[in-house]
Amino acid sequence: MNYAHKQYKNHTTPTTDFINPEGAEASYIRAAAKYMRRAVAHIQAYEIQERSDVSDKACLLLSGIVVDLEENTPEQKKVATHLKNYFKTMIELILKMNMLNDAKLAAEIAKQLDTMAQSWEDMAAKKSQLLEDISANTSTLEKENPTNLGA
């Protein structure tokens, strides 16, 4: 596991503000991994254009995540920098895989992306649970301590 991945996995709220609890980013990462598995099959079948097409789609998905990372706080900026480096490295590896027509590298990229997607899903679940807990605690406090501000 590289440094960016470790940094990402270890962070908790508030530095996870850019993590979507619905996990859209994880879906994009999983889709990129799926495209890389397809690239393996296309390399093995000597389907060069198809391999190129699916690897382009994987790069596009990862690039979209890089562009959408929020950097509103110093903590977000630090984590976003590591994530950007991670995704840029993955994109560079995809380009290398394309140039070398390397099925083994494509499979390794898919494996790494699956690991990152799982980490992202884990963080989204933690954030979602935290938001639910905060909401439940707020409701309990409001019931126990009515303010009657609207009266």
C-alpha atoms as a PDB file:
ATOM      1  CA  MET A   1       0.000   0.000   0.000  1.00  0.00           C
ATOM      2  CA  ASN A   2       1.533   3.326  -1.008  1.00  0.00           C
ATOM      3  CA  TYR A   3       1.776   6.431   1.172  1.00  0.00           C
ATOM      4  CA  ALA A   4      -1.207   8.227  -0.403  1.00  0.00           C
ATOM      5  CA  HIS A   5      -3.429   5.201   0.107  1.00  0.00           C
ATOM      6  CA  LYS A   6      -2.314   4.864   3.753  1.00  0.00           C
ATOM      7  CA  GLN A   7      -2.889   8.580   4.373  1.00  0.00           C
ATOM      8  CA  TYR A   8      -6.343   8.363   2.839  1.00  0.00           C
ATOM      9  CA  LYS A   9      -7.370   5.223   4.715  1.00  0.00           C
ATOM     10  CA  ASN A  10      -6.249   6.632   8.085  1.00  0.00           C
ATOM     11  CA  HIS A  11      -8.089   9.948   7.854  1.00  0.00           C
ATOM     12  CA  THR A  12     -11.393  10.560   9.573  1.00  0.00           C
ATOM     13  CA  THR A  13     -13.785  13.490   9.705  1.00  0.00           C
ATOM     14  CA  PRO A  14     -13.317  16.467   9.239  1.00  0.00           C
ATOM     15  CA  THR A  15     -10.675  15.648   6.620  1.00  0.00           C
ATOM     16  CA  THR A  16     -13.129  13.336   4.851  1.00  0.00           C
ATOM     17  CA  ASP A  17     -15.401  16.248   3.933  1.00  0.00           C
ATOM     18  CA  PHE A  18     -14.845  15.521   0.254  1.00  0.00           C
ATOM     19  CA  ILE A  19     -15.920  11.885   0.642  1.00  0.00           C
ATOM     20  CA  ASN A  20     -19.391  11.351  -0.749  1.00  0.00           C
ATOM     21  CA  PRO A  21     -21.340   9.084   1.655  1.00  0.00           C
ATOM     22  CA  GLU A  22     -23.150   7.607  -1.344  1.00  0.00           C
ATOM     23  CA  GLY A  23     -19.774   6.363  -2.605  1.00  0.00           C
ATOM     24  CA  ALA A  24     -19.913   7.728  -6.161  1.00  0.00           C
ATOM     25  CA  GLU A  25     -16.137   8.007  -6.274  1.00  0.00           C
ATOM     26  CA  ALA A  26     -15.751   4.363  -5.274  1.00  0.00           C
ATOM     27  CA  SER A  27     -18.069   3.421  -8.137  1.00  0.00           C
ATOM     28  CA  TYR A  28     -15.871   5.319 -10.574  1.00  0.00           C
ATOM     29  CA  ILE A  29     -12.744   3.646  -9.224  1.00  0.00           C
ATOM     30  CA  ARG A  30     -14.411   0.207  -9.462  1.00  0.00           C
ATOM     31  CA  ALA A  31     -15.443   0.983 -13.041  1.00  0.00           C
ATOM     32  CA  ALA A  32     -11.840   1.921 -13.869  1.00  0.00           C
ATOM     33  CA  ALA A  33     -10.689  -1.385 -12.371  1.00  0.00           C
ATOM     34  CA  LYS A  34     -13.287  -3.220 -14.463  1.00  0.00           C
ATOM     35  CA  TYR A  35     -11.953  -1.511 -17.586  1.00  0.00           C
ATOM     36  CA  MET A  36      -8.450  -2.622 -16.680  1.00  0.00           C
ATOM     37  CA  ARG A  37      -9.623  -6.234 -16.336  1.00  0.00           C
ATOM     38  CA  ARG A  38     -11.156  -5.863 -19.791  1.00  0.00           C
ATOM     39  CA  ALA A  39      -7.800  -4.527 -21.003  1.00  0.00           C
ATOM     40  CA  VAL A  40      -6.196  -7.793 -19.831  1.00  0.00           C
ATOM     41  CA  ALA A  41      -8.681  -9.793 -21.915  1.00  0.00           C
ATOM     42  CA  HIS A  42      -8.136  -7.556 -24.946  1.00  0.00           C
ATOM     43  CA  ILE A  43      -4.354  -7.879 -24.671  1.00  0.00           C
ATOM     44  CA  GLN A  44      -4.648 -11.661 -24.465  1.00  0.00           C
ATOM     45  CA  ALA A  45      -6.931 -11.647 -27.544  1.00  0.00           C
ATOM     46  CA  TYR A  46      -4.585  -9.289 -29.453  1.00  0.00           C
ATOM     47  CA  GLU A  47      -7.343  -6.686 -29.645  1.00  0.00           C
ATOM     48  CA  ILE A  48      -5.207  -3.564 -29.546  1.00  0.00           C
ATOM     49  CA  GLN A  49      -7.869  -0.974 -30.374  1.00  0.00           C
ATOM     50  CA  GLU A  50     -10.264  -2.382 -27.789  1.00  0.00           C
ATOM     51  CA  ARG A  51      -7.506  -2.396 -25.158  1.00  0.00           C
ATOM     52  CA  SER A  52      -6.777   1.224 -25.973  1.00  0.00           C
ATOM     53  CA  ASP A  53     -10.460   2.159 -25.760  1.00  0.00           C
ATOM     54  CA  VAL A  54     -11.035   0.615 -22.327  1.00  0.00           C
ATOM     55  CA  SER A  55      -7.819   2.022 -20.898  1.00  0.00           C
ATOM     56  CA  ASP A  56      -8.825   5.489 -22.155  1.00  0.00           C
ATOM     57  CA  LYS A  57     -12.121   5.109 -20.279  1.00  0.00           C
ATOM     58  CA  ALA A  58     -10.267   4.119 -17.102  1.00  0.00           C
ATOM     59  CA  CYS A  59      -8.027   7.189 -17.400  1.00  0.00           C
ATOM     60  CA  LEU A  60     -11.033   9.429 -17.945  1.00  0.00           C
ATOM     61  CA  LEU A  61     -12.760   8.129 -14.806  1.00  0.00           C
ATOM     62  CA  LEU A  62      -9.651   8.590 -12.662  1.00  0.00           C
ATOM     63  CA  SER A  63      -9.008  12.054 -14.085  1.00  0.00           C
ATOM     64  CA  GLY A  64     -12.535  13.062 -13.129  1.00  0.00           C
ATOM     65  CA  ILE A  65     -11.901  12.103  -9.524  1.00  0.00           C
ATOM     66  CA  VAL A  66      -8.672  14.121  -9.473  1.00  0.00           C
ATOM     67  CA  VAL A  67     -10.481  17.209 -10.775  1.00  0.00           C
ATOM     68  CA  ASP A  68     -13.327  16.895  -8.245  1.00  0.00           C
ATOM     69  CA  LEU A  69     -11.263  16.568  -5.063  1.00  0.00           C
ATOM     70  CA  GLU A  70     -12.066  19.429  -2.707  1.00  0.00           C
ATOM     71  CA  GLU A  71      -9.322  21.438  -1.052  1.00  0.00           C
ATOM     72  CA  ASN A  72     -11.227  23.863   1.185  1.00  0.00           C
ATOM     73  CA  THR A  73      -9.248  23.258   4.372  1.00  0.00           C
ATOM     74  CA  PRO A  74      -5.536  22.588   4.990  1.00  0.00           C
ATOM     75  CA  GLU A  75      -6.379  18.992   5.951  1.00  0.00           C
ATOM     76  CA  GLN A  76      -8.398  18.445   2.779  1.00  0.00           C
ATOM     77  CA  LYS A  77      -5.617  19.967   0.705  1.00  0.00           C
ATOM     78  CA  LYS A  78      -3.028  17.634   2.241  1.00  0.00           C
ATOM     79  CA  VAL A  79      -5.104  14.506   1.676  1.00  0.00           C
ATOM     80  CA  ALA A  80      -6.191  15.674  -1.799  1.00  0.00           C
ATOM     81  CA  THR A  81      -2.548  16.161  -2.771  1.00  0.00           C
ATOM     82  CA  HIS A  82      -1.743  12.560  -1.829  1.00  0.00           C
ATOM     83  CA  LEU A  83      -4.835  11.267  -3.630  1.00  0.00           C
ATOM     84  CA  LYS A  84      -4.009  13.282  -6.744  1.00  0.00           C
ATOM     85  CA  ASN A  85      -0.519  11.787  -6.739  1.00  0.00           C
ATOM     86  CA  TYR A  86      -1.994   8.293  -6.364  1.00  0.00           C
ATOM     87  CA  PHE A  87      -4.450   8.716  -9.234  1.00  0.00           C
ATOM     88  CA  LYS A  88      -1.870  10.408 -11.474  1.00  0.00           C
ATOM     89  CA  THR A  89       0.455   7.466 -10.847  1.00  0.00           C
ATOM     90  CA  MET A  90      -2.335   5.050 -11.788  1.00  0.00           C
ATOM     91  CA  ILE A  91      -2.968   7.024 -14.991  1.00  0.00           C
ATOM     92  CA  GLU A  92       0.753   6.960 -15.824  1.00  0.00           C
ATOM     93  CA  LEU A  93       0.802   3.198 -15.236  1.00  0.00           C
ATOM     94  CA  ILE A  94      -2.200   2.762 -17.528  1.00  0.00           C
ATOM     95  CA  LEU A  95      -0.376   4.713 -20.243  1.00  0.00           C
ATOM     96  CA  LYS A  96       2.715   2.543 -19.708  1.00  0.00           C
ATOM     97  CA  MET A  97       0.554  -0.596 -19.878  1.00  0.00           C
ATOM     98  CA  ASN A  98      -0.859   0.659 -23.164  1.00  0.00           C
ATOM     99  CA  MET A  99       2.567   1.348 -24.652  1.00  0.00           C
ATOM    100  CA  LEU A 100       3.924  -2.036 -23.581  1.00  0.00           C
ATOM    101  CA  ASN A 101       0.701  -3.992 -24.183  1.00  0.00           C
ATOM    102  CA  ASP A 102       1.333  -5.526 -20.746  1.00  0.00           C
ATOM    103  CA  ALA A 103      -1.466  -7.760 -19.420  1.00  0.00           C
ATOM    104  CA  LYS A 104       0.326  -8.364 -16.118  1.00  0.00           C
ATOM    105  CA  LEU A 105       0.576  -4.628 -15.450  1.00  0.00           C
ATOM    106  CA  ALA A 106      -3.093  -4.151 -16.392  1.00  0.00           C
ATOM    107  CA  ALA A 107      -4.083  -6.848 -13.887  1.00  0.00           C
ATOM    108  CA  GLU A 108      -1.981  -5.234 -11.147  1.00  0.00           C
ATOM    109  CA  ILE A 109      -3.532  -1.825 -11.840  1.00  0.00           C
ATOM    110  CA  ALA A 110      -7.005  -3.388 -11.587  1.00  0.00           C
ATOM    111  CA  LYS A 111      -6.062  -4.970  -8.254  1.00  0.00           C
ATOM    112  CA  GLN A 112      -4.733  -1.662  -6.882  1.00  0.00           C
ATOM    113  CA  LEU A 113      -7.844   0.200  -8.016  1.00  0.00           C
ATOM    114  CA  ASP A 114     -10.101  -2.401  -6.386  1.00  0.00           C
ATOM    115  CA  THR A 115      -8.196  -1.904  -3.132  1.00  0.00           C
ATOM    116  CA  MET A 116      -8.603   1.876  -3.352  1.00  0.00           C
ATOM    117  CA  ALA A 117     -12.316   1.530  -4.162  1.00  0.00           C
ATOM    118  CA  GLN A 118     -12.791  -0.658  -1.085  1.00  0.00           C
ATOM    119  CA  SER A 119     -10.973   1.896   1.063  1.00  0.00           C
ATOM    120  CA  TRP A 120     -13.131   4.672  -0.354  1.00  0.00           C
ATOM    121  CA  GLU A 121     -16.293   2.661   0.373  1.00  0.00           C
ATOM    122  CA  ASP A 122     -15.102   2.031   3.933  1.00  0.00           C
ATOM    123  CA  MET A 123     -14.503   5.743   4.484  1.00  0.00           C
ATOM    124  CA  ALA A 124     -17.887   6.654   2.977  1.00  0.00           C
ATOM    125  CA  ALA A 125     -19.593   4.154   5.304  1.00  0.00           C
ATOM    126  CA  LYS A 126     -17.791   5.594   8.323  1.00  0.00           C
ATOM    127  CA  LYS A 127     -18.768   9.120   7.331  1.00  0.00           C
ATOM    128  CA  SER A 128     -22.356   8.079   6.685  1.00  0.00           C
ATOM    129  CA  GLN A 129     -22.542   6.407  10.110  1.00  0.00           C
ATOM    130  CA  LEU A 130     -21.041   9.495  11.760  1.00  0.00           C
ATOM    131  CA  LEU A 131     -23.635  11.727  10.080  1.00  0.00           C
ATOM    132  CA  GLU A 132     -26.431   9.394  11.224  1.00  0.00           C
ATOM    133  CA  ASP A 133     -25.066   9.421  14.784  1.00  0.00           C
ATOM    134  CA  ILE A 134     -24.860  13.218  14.819  1.00  0.00           C
ATOM    135  CA  SER A 135     -28.423  13.475  13.500  1.00  0.00           C
ATOM    136  CA  ALA A 136     -29.737  11.012  16.088  1.00  0.00           C
ATOM    137  CA  ASN A 137     -27.934  12.806  18.922  1.00  0.00           C
ATOM    138  CA  THR A 138     -29.230  16.167  17.741  1.00  0.00           C
ATOM    139  CA  SER A 139     -32.815  14.843  17.620  1.00  0.00           C
ATOM    140  CA  THR A 140     -32.483  13.406  21.120  1.00  0.00           C
ATOM    141  CA  LEU A 141     -31.126  16.688  22.477  1.00  0.00           C
ATOM    142  CA  GLU A 142     -33.918  18.660  20.824  1.00  0.00           C
ATOM    143  CA  LYS A 143     -36.563  16.359  22.332  1.00  0.00           C
ATOM    144  CA  GLU A 144     -35.005  16.477  25.776  1.00  0.00           C
ATOM    145  CA  ASN A 145     -34.359  20.233  25.676  1.00  0.00           C
ATOM    146  CA  PRO A 146     -37.045  22.016  23.644  1.00  0.00           C
ATOM    147  CA  THR A 147     -36.143  25.623  22.901  1.00  0.00           C
ATOM    148  CA  ASN A 148     -39.574  26.948  21.882  1.00  0.00           C
ATOM    149  CA  LEU A 149     -37.848  29.564  19.750  1.00  0.00           C
ATOM    150  CA  GLY A 150     -40.722  29.547  17.251  1.00  0.00           C
ATOM    151  CA  ALA A 151     -43.340  30.411  19.916  1.00  0.00           C
END
